Amino acid sequence: MSLNMGMLASYDQSVELFRDSLGLGEVSTVIGASAVSGFFASACSLPFDYVKTQIQKMQPDAHGKYPYTGSLDCAMKTLKSGGPFKFYTGFPVYCVRIVPHVMMTWIFLNQIQKFEKSIGL
């Protein structure tokens, strides 16, 4: 949900910037706006992915007790121990994984919309 929020909220604004303010062509606009959208999708979704990964990786201690009781507990303990930037550990690698996915989504959507328009839909 957070990935889609970052993706959708930033794409149209980026299209306006690239097309209207910078005067770029259609291909440059779609590629640039989709790259910006991918960056913001990564930024919005990584904190949730970080918490999910910590929950998946947790192991019980010697007494059989797990370090977190749930997602909210994990988020609060992470915030206390490492501050808000701790949630962005691994951001460059995460961007390399997410940005191409988001870019391909927007590029394919743009092509599908052009095709539908050409056949009168």
PDB file of N, CA and C in Angstrom:
ATOM      1  N   MET A   1       0.825  -1.182   0.000  1.00  0.00           N
ATOM      2  CA  MET A   1       0.000   0.000   0.000  1.00  0.00           C
ATOM      3  C   MET A   1       0.876   1.255   0.000  1.00  0.00           C
ATOM      4  N   SER A   2       1.913   1.252   0.829  1.00  0.00           N
ATOM      5  CA  SER A   2       2.779   2.432   0.902  1.00  0.00           C
ATOM      6  C   SER A   2       3.574   2.608  -0.390  1.00  0.00           C
ATOM      7  N   LEU A   3       3.971   1.501  -1.011  1.00  0.00           N
ATOM      8  CA  LEU A   3       4.679   1.581  -2.290  1.00  0.00           C
ATOM      9  C   LEU A   3       3.778   2.229  -3.337  1.00  0.00           C
ATOM     10  N   ASN A   4       2.542   1.771  -3.423  1.00  0.00           N
ATOM     11  CA  ASN A   4       1.604   2.345  -4.388  1.00  0.00           C
ATOM     12  C   ASN A   4       1.306   3.803  -4.092  1.00  0.00           C
ATOM     13  N   MET A   5       1.226   4.158  -2.816  1.00  0.00           N
ATOM     14  CA  MET A   5       0.980   5.551  -2.457  1.00  0.00           C
ATOM     15  C   MET A   5       2.122   6.444  -2.953  1.00  0.00           C
ATOM     16  N   GLY A   6       3.352   6.029  -2.684  1.00  0.00           N
ATOM     17  CA  GLY A   6       4.497   6.802  -3.148  1.00  0.00           C
ATOM     18  C   GLY A   6       4.581   6.871  -4.654  1.00  0.00           C
ATOM     19  N   MET A   7       4.233   5.774  -5.281  1.00  0.00           N
ATOM     20  CA  MET A   7       4.274   5.683  -6.743  1.00  0.00           C
ATOM     21  C   MET A   7       3.229   6.602  -7.383  1.00  0.00           C
ATOM     22  N   LEU A   8       2.007   6.489  -6.928  1.00  0.00           N
ATOM     23  CA  LEU A   8       0.907   7.253  -7.525  1.00  0.00           C
ATOM     24  C   LEU A   8       0.990   8.741  -7.199  1.00  0.00           C
ATOM     25  N   ALA A   9       1.380   9.059  -5.976  1.00  0.00           N
ATOM     26  CA  ALA A   9       1.416  10.463  -5.559  1.00  0.00           C
ATOM     27  C   ALA A   9       2.490  11.251  -6.298  1.00  0.00           C
ATOM     28  N   SER A  10       3.564  10.587  -6.673  1.00  0.00           N
ATOM     29  CA  SER A  10       4.674  11.318  -7.286  1.00  0.00           C
ATOM     30  C   SER A  10       4.666  11.312  -8.812  1.00  0.00           C
ATOM     31  N   TYR A  11       4.015  10.353  -9.428  1.00  0.00           N
ATOM     32  CA  TYR A  11       4.109  10.220 -10.886  1.00  0.00           C
ATOM     33  C   TYR A  11       3.491  11.415 -11.621  1.00  0.00           C
ATOM     34  N   ASP A  12       2.260  11.736 -11.314  1.00  0.00           N
ATOM     35  CA  ASP A  12       1.588  12.837 -12.033  1.00  0.00           C
ATOM     36  C   ASP A  12       2.297  14.177 -11.816  1.00  0.00           C
ATOM     37  N   GLN A  13       2.772  14.396 -10.591  1.00  0.00           N
ATOM     38  CA  GLN A  13       3.513  15.635 -10.323  1.00  0.00           C
ATOM     39  C   GLN A  13       4.802  15.670 -11.130  1.00  0.00           C
ATOM     40  N   SER A  14       5.454  14.533 -11.248  1.00  0.00           N
ATOM     41  CA  SER A  14       6.696  14.454 -12.020  1.00  0.00           C
ATOM     42  C   SER A  14       6.441  14.660 -13.507  1.00  0.00           C
ATOM     43  N   VAL A  15       5.338  14.113 -14.006  1.00  0.00           N
ATOM     44  CA  VAL A  15       4.984  14.311 -15.417  1.00  0.00           C
ATOM     45  C   VAL A  15       4.791  15.802 -15.686  1.00  0.00           C
ATOM     46  N   GLU A  16       4.073  16.472 -14.799  1.00  0.00           N
ATOM     47  CA  GLU A  16       3.873  17.915 -14.969  1.00  0.00           C
ATOM     48  C   GLU A  16       5.199  18.660 -14.980  1.00  0.00           C
ATOM     49  N   LEU A  17       6.094  18.292 -14.070  1.00  0.00           N
ATOM     50  CA  LEU A  17       7.394  18.956 -13.999  1.00  0.00           C
ATOM     51  C   LEU A  17       8.183  18.739 -15.289  1.00  0.00           C
ATOM     52  N   PHE A  18       8.308  17.495 -15.718  1.00  0.00           N
ATOM     53  CA  PHE A  18       9.130  17.191 -16.887  1.00  0.00           C
ATOM     54  C   PHE A  18       8.512  17.720 -18.180  1.00  0.00           C
ATOM     55  N   ARG A  19       7.199  17.576 -18.323  1.00  0.00           N
ATOM     56  CA  ARG A  19       6.548  17.986 -19.560  1.00  0.00           C
ATOM     57  C   ARG A  19       6.307  19.488 -19.617  1.00  0.00           C
ATOM     58  N   ASP A  20       5.688  20.017 -18.595  1.00  0.00           N
ATOM     59  CA  ASP A  20       5.267  21.419 -18.641  1.00  0.00           C
ATOM     60  C   ASP A  20       6.381  22.397 -18.260  1.00  0.00           C
ATOM     61  N   SER A  21       7.086  22.120 -17.189  1.00  0.00           N
ATOM     62  CA  SER A  21       8.110  23.060 -16.728  1.00  0.00           C
ATOM     63  C   SER A  21       9.426  22.932 -17.479  1.00  0.00           C
ATOM     64  N   LEU A  22       9.839  21.692 -17.748  1.00  0.00           N
ATOM     65  CA  LEU A  22      11.125  21.478 -18.416  1.00  0.00           C
ATOM     66  C   LEU A  22      10.999  21.305 -19.927  1.00  0.00           C
ATOM     67  N   GLY A  23       9.770  21.083 -20.413  1.00  0.00           N
ATOM     68  CA  GLY A  23       9.517  20.969 -21.847  1.00  0.00           C
ATOM     69  C   GLY A  23      10.096  19.724 -22.496  1.00  0.00           C
ATOM     70  N   LEU A  24      10.212  18.643 -21.751  1.00  0.00           N
ATOM     71  CA  LEU A  24      10.750  17.407 -22.327  1.00  0.00           C
ATOM     72  C   LEU A  24       9.708  16.707 -23.187  1.00  0.00           C
ATOM     73  N   GLY A  25      10.169  15.848 -24.082  1.00  0.00           N
ATOM     74  CA  GLY A  25       9.280  15.079 -24.947  1.00  0.00           C
ATOM     75  C   GLY A  25       8.606  13.952 -24.186  1.00  0.00           C
ATOM     76  N   GLU A  26       7.751  13.221 -24.909  1.00  0.00           N
ATOM     77  CA  GLU A  26       6.958  12.175 -24.266  1.00  0.00           C
ATOM     78  C   GLU A  26       7.816  11.061 -23.677  1.00  0.00           C
ATOM     79  N   VAL A  27       8.768  10.558 -24.434  1.00  0.00           N
ATOM     80  CA  VAL A  27       9.591   9.442 -23.960  1.00  0.00           C
ATOM     81  C   VAL A  27      10.421   9.877 -22.747  1.00  0.00           C
ATOM     82  N   SER A  28      11.064  11.023 -22.836  1.00  0.00           N
ATOM     83  CA  SER A  28      11.870  11.524 -21.718  1.00  0.00           C
ATOM     84  C   SER A  28      11.004  11.789 -20.492  1.00  0.00           C
ATOM     85  N   THR A  29       9.815  12.295 -20.711  1.00  0.00           N
ATOM     86  CA  THR A  29       8.904  12.577 -19.607  1.00  0.00           C
ATOM     87  C   THR A  29       8.502  11.297 -18.893  1.00  0.00           C
ATOM     88  N   VAL A  30       8.108  10.280 -19.657  1.00  0.00           N
ATOM     89  CA  VAL A  30       7.670   9.017 -19.052  1.00  0.00           C
ATOM     90  C   VAL A  30       8.820   8.347 -18.312  1.00  0.00           C
ATOM     91  N   ILE A  31       9.995   8.318 -18.907  1.00  0.00           N
ATOM     92  CA  ILE A  31      11.141   7.680 -18.257  1.00  0.00           C
ATOM     93  C   ILE A  31      11.561   8.463 -17.010  1.00  0.00           C
ATOM     94  N   GLY A  32      11.659   9.777 -17.120  1.00  0.00           N
ATOM     95  CA  GLY A  32      12.049  10.588 -15.973  1.00  0.00           C
ATOM     96  C   GLY A  32      11.035  10.533 -14.847  1.00  0.00           C
ATOM     97  N   ALA A  33       9.763  10.672 -15.191  1.00  0.00           N
ATOM     98  CA  ALA A  33       8.715  10.652 -14.169  1.00  0.00           C
ATOM     99  C   ALA A  33       8.611   9.286 -13.512  1.00  0.00           C
ATOM    100  N   SER A  34       8.804   8.229 -14.280  1.00  0.00           N
ATOM    101  CA  SER A  34       8.724   6.899 -13.681  1.00  0.00           C
ATOM    102  C   SER A  34       9.932   6.631 -12.773  1.00  0.00           C
ATOM    103  N   ALA A  35      11.098   7.184 -13.100  1.00  0.00           N
ATOM    104  CA  ALA A  35      12.267   7.035 -12.223  1.00  0.00           C
ATOM    105  C   ALA A  35      12.044   7.783 -10.907  1.00  0.00           C
ATOM    106  N   VAL A  36      11.529   9.004 -10.992  1.00  0.00           N
ATOM    107  CA  VAL A  36      11.222   9.775  -9.780  1.00  0.00           C
ATOM    108  C   VAL A  36      10.175   9.038  -8.948  1.00  0.00           C
ATOM    109  N   SER A  37       9.171   8.510  -9.621  1.00  0.00           N
ATOM    110  CA  SER A  37       8.117   7.765  -8.942  1.00  0.00           C
ATOM    111  C   SER A  37       8.684   6.536  -8.233  1.00  0.00           C
ATOM    112  N   GLY A  38       9.624   5.865  -8.870  1.00  0.00           N
ATOM    113  CA  GLY A  38      10.265   4.707  -8.248  1.00  0.00           C
ATOM    114  C   GLY A  38      11.031   5.076  -6.995  1.00  0.00           C
ATOM    115  N   PHE A  39      11.719   6.216  -7.046  1.00  0.00           N
ATOM    116  CA  PHE A  39      12.453   6.690  -5.874  1.00  0.00           C
ATOM    117  C   PHE A  39      11.499   6.933  -4.701  1.00  0.00           C
ATOM    118  N   PHE A  40      10.400   7.628  -4.960  1.00  0.00           N
ATOM    119  CA  PHE A  40       9.454   7.923  -3.883  1.00  0.00           C
ATOM    120  C   PHE A  40       8.722   6.677  -3.412  1.00  0.00           C
ATOM    121  N   ALA A  41       8.451   5.745  -4.315  1.00  0.00           N
ATOM    122  CA  ALA A  41       7.849   4.472  -3.909  1.00  0.00           C
ATOM    123  C   ALA A  41       8.784   3.732  -2.962  1.00  0.00           C
ATOM    124  N   SER A  42      10.072   3.755  -3.268  1.00  0.00           N
ATOM    125  CA  SER A  42      11.066   3.121  -2.387  1.00  0.00           C
ATOM    126  C   SER A  42      11.107   3.805  -1.026  1.00  0.00           C
ATOM    127  N   ALA A  43      11.126   5.121  -1.041  1.00  0.00           N
ATOM    128  CA  ALA A  43      11.208   5.881   0.207  1.00  0.00           C
ATOM    129  C   ALA A  43       9.984   5.658   1.097  1.00  0.00           C
ATOM    130  N   CYS A  44       8.827   5.511   0.488  1.00  0.00           N
ATOM    131  CA  CYS A  44       7.604   5.316   1.277  1.00  0.00           C
ATOM    132  C   CYS A  44       7.466   3.885   1.803  1.00  0.00           C
ATOM    133  N   SER A  45       7.981   2.923   1.062  1.00  0.00           N
ATOM    134  CA  SER A  45       7.741   1.533   1.440  1.00  0.00           C
ATOM    135  C   SER A  45       8.858   0.888   2.248  1.00  0.00           C
ATOM    136  N   LEU A  46      10.082   1.423   2.187  1.00  0.00           N
ATOM    137  CA  LEU A  46      11.187   0.769   2.887  1.00  0.00           C
ATOM    138  C   LEU A  46      10.980   0.638   4.393  1.00  0.00           C
ATOM    139  N   PRO A  47      10.471   1.639   5.112  1.00  0.00           N
ATOM    140  CA  PRO A  47      10.285   1.425   6.559  1.00  0.00           C
ATOM    141  C   PRO A  47       9.411   0.201   6.872  1.00  0.00           C
ATOM    142  N   PHE A  48       8.371  -0.011   6.101  1.00  0.00           N
ATOM    143  CA  PHE A  48       7.505  -1.170   6.326  1.00  0.00           C
ATOM    144  C   PHE A  48       8.217  -2.466   5.950  1.00  0.00           C
ATOM    145  N   ASP A  49       8.977  -2.425   4.870  1.00  0.00           N
ATOM    146  CA  ASP A  49       9.740  -3.601   4.454  1.00  0.00           C
ATOM    147  C   ASP A  49      10.822  -3.921   5.469  1.00  0.00           C
ATOM    148  N   TYR A  50      11.451  -2.896   6.039  1.00  0.00           N
ATOM    149  CA  TYR A  50      12.478  -3.098   7.059  1.00  0.00           C
ATOM    150  C   TYR A  50      11.890  -3.832   8.262  1.00  0.00           C
ATOM    151  N   VAL A  51      10.746  -3.367   8.750  1.00  0.00           N
ATOM    152  CA  VAL A  51      10.101  -4.003   9.906  1.00  0.00           C
ATOM    153  C   VAL A  51       9.711  -5.442   9.558  1.00  0.00           C
ATOM    154  N   LYS A  52       9.152  -5.654   8.392  1.00  0.00           N
ATOM    155  CA  LYS A  52       8.764  -7.005   7.959  1.00  0.00           C
ATOM    156  C   LYS A  52       9.973  -7.935   7.945  1.00  0.00           C
ATOM    157  N   THR A  53      11.092  -7.440   7.427  1.00  0.00           N
ATOM    158  CA  THR A  53      12.304  -8.246   7.351  1.00  0.00           C
ATOM    159  C   THR A  53      12.823  -8.574   8.740  1.00  0.00           C
ATOM    160  N   GLN A  54      12.782  -7.610   9.659  1.00  0.00           N
ATOM    161  CA  GLN A  54      13.237  -7.863  11.027  1.00  0.00           C
ATOM    162  C   GLN A  54      12.380  -8.928  11.708  1.00  0.00           C
ATOM    163  N   ILE A  55      11.079  -8.885  11.462  1.00  0.00           N
ATOM    164  CA  ILE A  55      10.170  -9.885  12.034  1.00  0.00           C
ATOM    165  C   ILE A  55      10.485 -11.262  11.444  1.00  0.00           C
ATOM    166  N   GLN A  56      10.731 -11.314  10.137  1.00  0.00           N
ATOM    167  CA  GLN A  56      11.021 -12.589   9.479  1.00  0.00           C
ATOM    168  C   GLN A  56      12.347 -13.189   9.954  1.00  0.00           C
ATOM    169  N   LYS A  57      13.327 -12.337  10.241  1.00  0.00           N
ATOM    170  CA  LYS A  57      14.661 -12.807  10.616  1.00  0.00           C
ATOM    171  C   LYS A  57      14.830 -13.095  12.108  1.00  0.00           C
ATOM    172  N   MET A  58      13.875 -12.716  12.953  1.00  0.00           N
ATOM    173  CA  MET A  58      14.102 -12.846  14.391  1.00  0.00           C
ATOM    174  C   MET A  58      14.194 -14.315  14.818  1.00  0.00           C
ATOM    175  N   GLN A  59      15.087 -14.527  15.768  1.00  0.00           N
ATOM    176  CA  GLN A  59      15.337 -15.851  16.342  1.00  0.00           C
ATOM    177  C   GLN A  59      15.112 -15.779  17.847  1.00  0.00           C
ATOM    178  N   PRO A  60      14.644 -16.859  18.440  1.00  0.00           N
ATOM    179  CA  PRO A  60      14.466 -16.832  19.904  1.00  0.00           C
ATOM    180  C   PRO A  60      15.808 -16.816  20.627  1.00  0.00           C
ATOM    181  N   ASP A  61      15.822 -16.185  21.817  1.00  0.00           N
ATOM    182  CA  ASP A  61      17.046 -16.180  22.624  1.00  0.00           C
ATOM    183  C   ASP A  61      17.183 -17.515  23.351  1.00  0.00           C
ATOM    184  N   ALA A  62      18.114 -17.586  24.283  1.00  0.00           N
ATOM    185  CA  ALA A  62      18.377 -18.833  25.012  1.00  0.00           C
ATOM    186  C   ALA A  62      17.173 -19.301  25.832  1.00  0.00           C
ATOM    187  N   HIS A  63      16.302 -18.377  26.190  1.00  0.00           N
ATOM    188  CA  HIS A  63      15.112 -18.712  26.981  1.00  0.00           C
ATOM    189  C   HIS A  63      13.884 -18.954  26.109  1.00  0.00           C
ATOM    190  N   GLY A  64      14.056 -18.906  24.798  1.00  0.00           N
ATOM    191  CA  GLY A  64      12.941 -19.135  23.882  1.00  0.00           C
ATOM    192  C   GLY A  64      12.078 -17.913  23.639  1.00  0.00           C
ATOM    193  N   LYS A  65      12.547 -16.751  24.068  1.00  0.00           N
ATOM    194  CA  LYS A  65      11.771 -15.515  23.902  1.00  0.00           C
ATOM    195  C   LYS A  65      12.232 -14.777  22.644  1.00  0.00           C
ATOM    196  N   TYR A  66      11.272 -14.336  21.874  1.00  0.00           N
ATOM    197  CA  TYR A  66      11.581 -13.585  20.654  1.00  0.00           C
ATOM    198  C   TYR A  66      11.811 -12.108  20.982  1.00  0.00           C
ATOM    199  N   PRO A  67      12.649 -11.414  20.191  1.00  0.00           N
ATOM    200  CA  PRO A  67      12.945 -10.009  20.498  1.00  0.00           C
ATOM    201  C   PRO A  67      11.765  -9.056  20.297  1.00  0.00           C
ATOM    202  N   TYR A  68      10.825  -9.425  19.438  1.00  0.00           N
ATOM    203  CA  TYR A  68       9.680  -8.551  19.165  1.00  0.00           C
ATOM    204  C   TYR A  68       8.386  -9.336  19.346  1.00  0.00           C
ATOM    205  N   THR A  69       7.372  -8.638  19.857  1.00  0.00           N
ATOM    206  CA  THR A  69       6.068  -9.282  20.001  1.00  0.00           C
ATOM    207  C   THR A  69       5.184  -9.067  18.782  1.00  0.00           C
ATOM    208  N   GLY A  70       5.600  -8.169  17.899  1.00  0.00           N
ATOM    209  CA  GLY A  70       4.837  -7.898  16.688  1.00  0.00           C
ATOM    210  C   GLY A  70       5.455  -6.742  15.921  1.00  0.00           C
ATOM    211  N   SER A  71       4.790  -6.328  14.874  1.00  0.00           N
ATOM    212  CA  SER A  71       5.303  -5.275  14.003  1.00  0.00           C
ATOM    213  C   SER A  71       5.438  -3.932  14.713  1.00  0.00           C
ATOM    214  N   LEU A  72       4.436  -3.565  15.473  1.00  0.00           N
ATOM    215  CA  LEU A  72       4.478  -2.282  16.177  1.00  0.00           C
ATOM    216  C   LEU A  72       5.596  -2.273  17.222  1.00  0.00           C
ATOM    217  N   ASP A  73       5.753  -3.381  17.936  1.00  0.00           N
ATOM    218  CA  ASP A  73       6.831  -3.493  18.917  1.00  0.00           C
ATOM    219  C   ASP A  73       8.188  -3.376  18.223  1.00  0.00           C
ATOM    220  N   CYS A  74       8.342  -4.029  17.096  1.00  0.00           N
ATOM    221  CA  CYS A  74       9.586  -3.953  16.324  1.00  0.00           C
ATOM    222  C   CYS A  74       9.856  -2.519  15.880  1.00  0.00           C
ATOM    223  N   ALA A  75       8.844  -1.846  15.365  1.00  0.00           N
ATOM    224  CA  ALA A  75       9.004  -0.460  14.907  1.00  0.00           C
ATOM    225  C   ALA A  75       9.393   0.462  16.062  1.00  0.00           C
ATOM    226  N   MET A  76       8.753   0.299  17.202  1.00  0.00           N
ATOM    227  CA  MET A  76       9.051   1.168  18.348  1.00  0.00           C
ATOM    228  C   MET A  76      10.456   0.917  18.894  1.00  0.00           C
ATOM    229  N   LYS A  77      10.852  -0.345  18.988  1.00  0.00           N
ATOM    230  CA  LYS A  77      12.198  -0.665  19.483  1.00  0.00           C
ATOM    231  C   LYS A  77      13.262  -0.179  18.501  1.00  0.00           C
ATOM    232  N   THR A  78      12.981  -0.297  17.222  1.00  0.00           N
ATOM    233  CA  THR A  78      13.917   0.186  16.206  1.00  0.00           C
ATOM    234  C   THR A  78      14.053   1.694  16.288  1.00  0.00           C
ATOM    235  N   LEU A  79      12.939   2.384  16.437  1.00  0.00           N
ATOM    236  CA  LEU A  79      12.953   3.840  16.547  1.00  0.00           C
ATOM    237  C   LEU A  79      13.739   4.290  17.783  1.00  0.00           C
ATOM    238  N   LYS A  80      13.515   3.608  18.904  1.00  0.00           N
ATOM    239  CA  LYS A  80      14.239   3.951  20.143  1.00  0.00           C
ATOM    240  C   LYS A  80      15.737   3.697  20.021  1.00  0.00           C
ATOM    241  N   SER A  81      16.092   2.577  19.443  1.00  0.00           N
ATOM    242  CA  SER A  81      17.513   2.198  19.425  1.00  0.00           C
ATOM    243  C   SER A  81      18.311   2.858  18.304  1.00  0.00           C
ATOM    244  N   GLY A  82      17.679   3.107  17.155  1.00  0.00           N
ATOM    245  CA  GLY A  82      18.446   3.623  16.023  1.00  0.00           C
ATOM    246  C   GLY A  82      17.947   4.914  15.421  1.00  0.00           C
ATOM    247  N   GLY A  83      16.827   5.409  15.904  1.00  0.00           N
ATOM    248  CA  GLY A  83      16.264   6.634  15.347  1.00  0.00           C
ATOM    249  C   GLY A  83      15.534   6.372  14.035  1.00  0.00           C
ATOM    250  N   PRO A  84      14.933   7.405  13.467  1.00  0.00           N
ATOM    251  CA  PRO A  84      14.110   7.212  12.269  1.00  0.00           C
ATOM    252  C   PRO A  84      14.907   6.763  11.039  1.00  0.00           C
ATOM    253  N   PHE A  85      16.170   7.135  10.957  1.00  0.00           N
ATOM    254  CA  PHE A  85      16.954   6.760   9.775  1.00  0.00           C
ATOM    255  C   PHE A  85      17.329   5.282   9.762  1.00  0.00           C
ATOM    256  N   LYS A  86      17.180   4.607  10.878  1.00  0.00           N
ATOM    257  CA  LYS A  86      17.457   3.165  10.943  1.00  0.00           C
ATOM    258  C   LYS A  86      16.531   2.402   9.990  1.00  0.00           C
ATOM    259  N   PHE A  87      15.313   2.917   9.789  1.00  0.00           N
ATOM    260  CA  PHE A  87      14.360   2.272   8.886  1.00  0.00           C
ATOM    261  C   PHE A  87      14.813   2.326   7.427  1.00  0.00           C
ATOM    262  N   TYR A  88      15.779   3.197   7.146  1.00  0.00           N
ATOM    263  CA  TYR A  88      16.270   3.353   5.771  1.00  0.00           C
ATOM    264  C   TYR A  88      17.603   2.654   5.542  1.00  0.00           C
ATOM    265  N   THR A  89      17.939   1.722   6.424  1.00  0.00           N
ATOM    266  CA  THR A  89      19.139   0.908   6.229  1.00  0.00           C
ATOM    267  C   THR A  89      18.983   0.124   4.931  1.00  0.00           C
ATOM    268  N   GLY A  90      19.967   0.208   4.068  1.00  0.00           N
ATOM    269  CA  GLY A  90      19.917  -0.508   2.794  1.00  0.00           C
ATOM    270  C   GLY A  90      19.125   0.187   1.705  1.00  0.00           C
ATOM    271  N   PHE A  91      18.895   1.487   1.861  1.00  0.00           N
ATOM    272  CA  PHE A  91      18.074   2.210   0.882  1.00  0.00           C
ATOM    273  C   PHE A  91      18.608   2.130  -0.550  1.00  0.00           C
ATOM    274  N   PRO A  92      19.906   2.301  -0.793  1.00  0.00           N
ATOM    275  CA  PRO A  92      20.384   2.212  -2.192  1.00  0.00           C
ATOM    276  C   PRO A  92      20.088   0.856  -2.840  1.00  0.00           C
ATOM    277  N   VAL A  93      20.308  -0.204  -2.090  1.00  0.00           N
ATOM    278  CA  VAL A  93      20.043  -1.546  -2.624  1.00  0.00           C
ATOM    279  C   VAL A  93      18.544  -1.736  -2.861  1.00  0.00           C
ATOM    280  N   TYR A  94      17.739  -1.253  -1.950  1.00  0.00           N
ATOM    281  CA  TYR A  94      16.286  -1.349  -2.093  1.00  0.00           C
ATOM    282  C   TYR A  94      15.819  -0.577  -3.330  1.00  0.00           C
ATOM    283  N   CYS A  95      16.407   0.597  -3.562  1.00  0.00           N
ATOM    284  CA  CYS A  95      16.070   1.380  -4.758  1.00  0.00           C
ATOM    285  C   CYS A  95      16.403   0.607  -6.030  1.00  0.00           C
ATOM    286  N   VAL A  96      17.558  -0.041  -6.044  1.00  0.00           N
ATOM    287  CA  VAL A  96      17.950  -0.812  -7.228  1.00  0.00           C
ATOM    288  C   VAL A  96      16.943  -1.923  -7.503  1.00  0.00           C
ATOM    289  N   ARG A  97      16.301  -2.424  -6.471  1.00  0.00           N
ATOM    290  CA  ARG A  97      15.294  -3.478  -6.638  1.00  0.00           C
ATOM    291  C   ARG A  97      13.927  -2.918  -7.025  1.00  0.00           C
ATOM    292  N   ILE A  98      13.533  -1.805  -6.441  1.00  0.00           N
ATOM    293  CA  ILE A  98      12.171  -1.295  -6.615  1.00  0.00           C
ATOM    294  C   ILE A  98      12.021  -0.361  -7.813  1.00  0.00           C
ATOM    295  N   VAL A  99      12.979   0.531  -8.041  1.00  0.00           N
ATOM    296  CA  VAL A  99      12.846   1.539  -9.105  1.00  0.00           C
ATOM    297  C   VAL A  99      12.595   0.915 -10.481  1.00  0.00           C
ATOM    298  N   PRO A 100      13.346  -0.114 -10.899  1.00  0.00           N
ATOM    299  CA  PRO A 100      13.048  -0.703 -12.214  1.00  0.00           C
ATOM    300  C   PRO A 100      11.632  -1.285 -12.310  1.00  0.00           C
ATOM    301  N   HIS A 101      11.169  -1.883 -11.228  1.00  0.00           N
ATOM    302  CA  HIS A 101       9.801  -2.423 -11.197  1.00  0.00           C
ATOM    303  C   HIS A 101       8.776  -1.310 -11.434  1.00  0.00           C
ATOM    304  N   VAL A 102       8.943  -0.212 -10.725  1.00  0.00           N
ATOM    305  CA  VAL A 102       8.015   0.910 -10.851  1.00  0.00           C
ATOM    306  C   VAL A 102       8.115   1.533 -12.248  1.00  0.00           C
ATOM    307  N   MET A 103       9.336   1.681 -12.735  1.00  0.00           N
ATOM    308  CA  MET A 103       9.517   2.261 -14.069  1.00  0.00           C
ATOM    309  C   MET A 103       8.838   1.414 -15.141  1.00  0.00           C
ATOM    310  N   MET A 104       9.020   0.103 -15.064  1.00  0.00           N
ATOM    311  CA  MET A 104       8.397  -0.780 -16.061  1.00  0.00           C
ATOM    312  C   MET A 104       6.875  -0.702 -15.968  1.00  0.00           C
ATOM    313  N   THR A 105       6.353  -0.604 -14.762  1.00  0.00           N
ATOM    314  CA  THR A 105       4.905  -0.484 -14.589  1.00  0.00           C
ATOM    315  C   THR A 105       4.377   0.754 -15.315  1.00  0.00           C
ATOM    316  N   TRP A 106       5.000   1.915 -15.101  1.00  0.00           N
ATOM    317  CA  TRP A 106       4.545   3.152 -15.735  1.00  0.00           C
ATOM    318  C   TRP A 106       4.766   3.131 -17.245  1.00  0.00           C
ATOM    319  N   ILE A 107       5.876   2.585 -17.700  1.00  0.00           N
ATOM    320  CA  ILE A 107       6.144   2.541 -19.144  1.00  0.00           C
ATOM    321  C   ILE A 107       5.134   1.643 -19.836  1.00  0.00           C
ATOM    322  N   PHE A 108       4.872   0.462 -19.258  1.00  0.00           N
ATOM    323  CA  PHE A 108       3.867  -0.437 -19.853  1.00  0.00           C
ATOM    324  C   PHE A 108       2.481   0.184 -19.817  1.00  0.00           C
ATOM    325  N   LEU A 109       2.130   0.828 -18.712  1.00  0.00           N
ATOM    326  CA  LEU A 109       0.815   1.474 -18.624  1.00  0.00           C
ATOM    327  C   LEU A 109       0.674   2.545 -19.697  1.00  0.00           C
ATOM    328  N   ASN A 110       1.727   3.324 -19.898  1.00  0.00           N
ATOM    329  CA  ASN A 110       1.703   4.360 -20.925  1.00  0.00           C
ATOM    330  C   ASN A 110       1.496   3.753 -22.307  1.00  0.00           C
ATOM    331  N   GLN A 111       2.170   2.657 -22.587  1.00  0.00           N
ATOM    332  CA  GLN A 111       2.032   1.998 -23.888  1.00  0.00           C
ATOM    333  C   GLN A 111       0.640   1.392 -24.068  1.00  0.00           C
ATOM    334  N   ILE A 112       0.099   0.817 -23.011  1.00  0.00           N
ATOM    335  CA  ILE A 112      -1.255   0.251 -23.072  1.00  0.00           C
ATOM    336  C   ILE A 112      -2.267   1.356 -23.322  1.00  0.00           C
ATOM    337  N   GLN A 113      -2.111   2.487 -22.647  1.00  0.00           N
ATOM    338  CA  GLN A 113      -3.028   3.607 -22.852  1.00  0.00           C
ATOM    339  C   GLN A 113      -2.947   4.133 -24.283  1.00  0.00           C
ATOM    340  N   LYS A 114      -1.759   4.229 -24.841  1.00  0.00           N
ATOM    341  CA  LYS A 114      -1.586   4.671 -26.229  1.00  0.00           C
ATOM    342  C   LYS A 114      -2.245   3.684 -27.187  1.00  0.00           C
ATOM    343  N   PHE A 115      -2.096   2.399 -26.934  1.00  0.00           N
ATOM    344  CA  PHE A 115      -2.711   1.366 -27.782  1.00  0.00           C
ATOM    345  C   PHE A 115      -4.225   1.453 -27.705  1.00  0.00           C
ATOM    346  N   GLU A 116      -4.766   1.573 -26.500  1.00  0.00           N
ATOM    347  CA  GLU A 116      -6.224   1.690 -26.343  1.00  0.00           C
ATOM    348  C   GLU A 116      -6.760   2.919 -27.069  1.00  0.00           C
ATOM    349  N   LYS A 117      -6.031   4.007 -26.991  1.00  0.00           N
ATOM    350  CA  LYS A 117      -6.434   5.236 -27.676  1.00  0.00           C
ATOM    351  C   LYS A 117      -6.421   5.040 -29.200  1.00  0.00           C
ATOM    352  N   SER A 118      -5.434   4.303 -29.676  1.00  0.00           N
ATOM    353  CA  SER A 118      -5.313   4.101 -31.138  1.00  0.00           C
ATOM    354  C   SER A 118      -6.422   3.213 -31.699  1.00  0.00           C
ATOM    355  N   ILE A 119      -7.008   2.343 -30.856  1.00  0.00           N
ATOM    356  CA  ILE A 119      -8.099   1.495 -31.340  1.00  0.00           C
ATOM    357  C   ILE A 119      -9.468   2.020 -30.922  1.00  0.00           C
ATOM    358  N   GLY A 120      -9.475   3.199 -30.327  1.00  0.00           N
ATOM    359  CA  GLY A 120     -10.743   3.855 -30.001  1.00  0.00           C
ATOM    360  C   GLY A 120     -11.376   3.463 -28.691  1.00  0.00           C
ATOM    361  N   LEU A 121     -10.607   2.977 -27.766  1.00  0.00           N
ATOM    362  CA  LEU A 121     -11.175   2.625 -26.457  1.00  0.00           C
ATOM    363  C   LEU A 121     -11.011   3.746 -25.458  1.00  0.00           C
TER     364      LEU A 121
END
